[in-house]
Amino acid sequence: MGKPDFSGVVFKVNGTPIMIGNFLNAAISFLIVASVVYFGVVLPLNHMLARVKKPAPPAPAATKPCPECLSEIPLAAKRCAHCTQPVA
């Protein structure tokens, strides 16, 4: 396969040549290299890390139920804020 070459693409504005072909060559080369790196390195690495990563342990309970009114109160509470009953 031949390598496409856009370096011959030139626009002339008021007699001044603008080499748009060189920019097209660089842009196409960048997109090809970026896609190879993304699909060849980044996606497989992310997939591998997702398989190795362990799930976070569940957070410990921060509240407990009141034995009288069954409302949720903090673990360190000595009395219920709703019914004012002492909590053991």
Protein backbone atom coordinates (compact mmCIF):
# COMPACT_ATOMS: atom_id res chain seq x y z
CA MET A 1 0.00 0.00 0.00
CA GLY A 2 1.26 3.43 -0.80
CA LYS A 3 1.46 6.10 1.84
CA PRO A 4 -0.99 8.94 1.17
CA ASP A 5 0.75 12.30 0.97
CA PHE A 6 -1.21 15.52 1.22
CA SER A 7 1.82 17.84 1.19
CA GLY A 8 0.97 18.91 -2.34
CA VAL A 9 -2.35 20.48 -1.23
CA VAL A 10 -1.83 24.24 -1.30
CA PHE A 11 -4.33 27.09 -1.10
CA LYS A 12 -3.41 30.48 -2.48
CA VAL A 13 -4.85 33.57 -0.88
CA ASN A 14 -3.89 36.80 -2.67
CA GLY A 15 -0.92 34.99 -4.21
CA THR A 16 0.37 33.70 -0.85
CA PRO A 17 0.56 29.88 -0.68
CA ILE A 18 -0.89 28.25 2.43
CA MET A 19 0.46 24.72 2.94
CA ILE A 20 -2.67 23.02 4.28
CA GLY A 21 -1.42 19.60 3.14
CA ASN A 22 1.35 19.48 5.75
CA PHE A 23 -1.22 20.16 8.47
CA LEU A 24 -3.45 17.38 7.11
CA ASN A 25 -0.51 14.94 7.15
CA ALA A 26 0.31 15.81 10.76
CA ALA A 27 -3.34 15.64 11.87
CA ILE A 28 -3.94 12.24 10.25
CA SER A 29 -0.70 10.84 11.68
CA PHE A 30 -1.62 12.10 15.15
CA LEU A 31 -5.10 10.54 14.98
CA ILE A 32 -3.69 7.19 13.87
CA VAL A 33 -1.04 7.11 16.62
CA ALA A 34 -3.53 8.29 19.26
CA SER A 35 -6.05 5.61 18.34
CA VAL A 36 -3.39 2.87 18.40
CA VAL A 37 -2.19 3.99 21.84
CA TYR A 38 -5.76 4.26 23.18
CA PHE A 39 -7.03 0.93 21.85
CA GLY A 40 -3.73 -0.91 22.31
CA VAL A 41 -2.64 0.38 25.73
CA VAL A 42 -5.29 2.37 27.63
CA LEU A 43 -8.36 0.14 27.15
CA PRO A 44 -6.58 -3.16 27.96
CA LEU A 45 -4.90 -1.59 31.01
CA ASN A 46 -8.21 -0.21 32.31
CA HIS A 47 -9.86 -3.60 31.79
CA MET A 48 -7.06 -5.36 33.65
CA LEU A 49 -7.15 -2.89 36.55
CA ALA A 50 -10.94 -3.24 36.82
CA ARG A 51 -10.55 -7.01 37.24
CA VAL A 52 -7.84 -6.62 39.90
CA LYS A 53 -9.47 -3.81 41.87
CA LYS A 54 -11.18 -4.96 45.06
CA PRO A 55 -14.53 -3.47 46.08
CA ALA A 56 -14.50 -1.11 49.03
CA PRO A 57 -15.71 -2.60 52.33
CA PRO A 58 -19.10 -1.35 53.50
CA ALA A 59 -19.05 1.55 55.93
CA PRO A 60 -19.86 0.70 59.55
CA ALA A 61 -23.27 1.71 60.85
CA ALA A 62 -23.32 5.22 62.34
CA THR A 63 -26.73 4.89 64.00
CA LYS A 64 -28.72 2.44 66.08
CA PRO A 65 -32.47 2.11 66.67
CA CYS A 66 -34.07 3.44 69.84
CA PRO A 67 -35.70 0.55 71.74
CA GLU A 68 -38.78 2.64 72.66
CA CYS A 69 -39.70 4.66 69.55
CA LEU A 70 -37.56 2.83 66.94
CA SER A 71 -36.10 6.09 65.56
CA GLU A 72 -32.48 6.18 64.43
CA ILE A 73 -30.04 7.72 66.93
CA PRO A 74 -26.22 8.11 66.87
CA LEU A 75 -24.16 5.28 68.38
CA ALA A 76 -22.71 7.53 71.10
CA ALA A 77 -26.13 8.85 72.26
CA LYS A 78 -27.19 8.13 75.83
CA ARG A 79 -30.76 9.37 75.34
CA CYS A 80 -33.10 9.33 72.37
CA ALA A 81 -33.66 12.78 70.86
CA HIS A 82 -37.27 11.95 69.97
CA CYS A 83 -38.65 10.27 73.08
CA THR A 84 -35.92 11.18 75.65
CA GLN A 85 -35.67 7.61 76.93
CA PRO A 86 -32.27 6.44 78.22
CA VAL A 87 -30.51 4.13 75.79
CA ALA A 88 -28.18 1.42 77.03
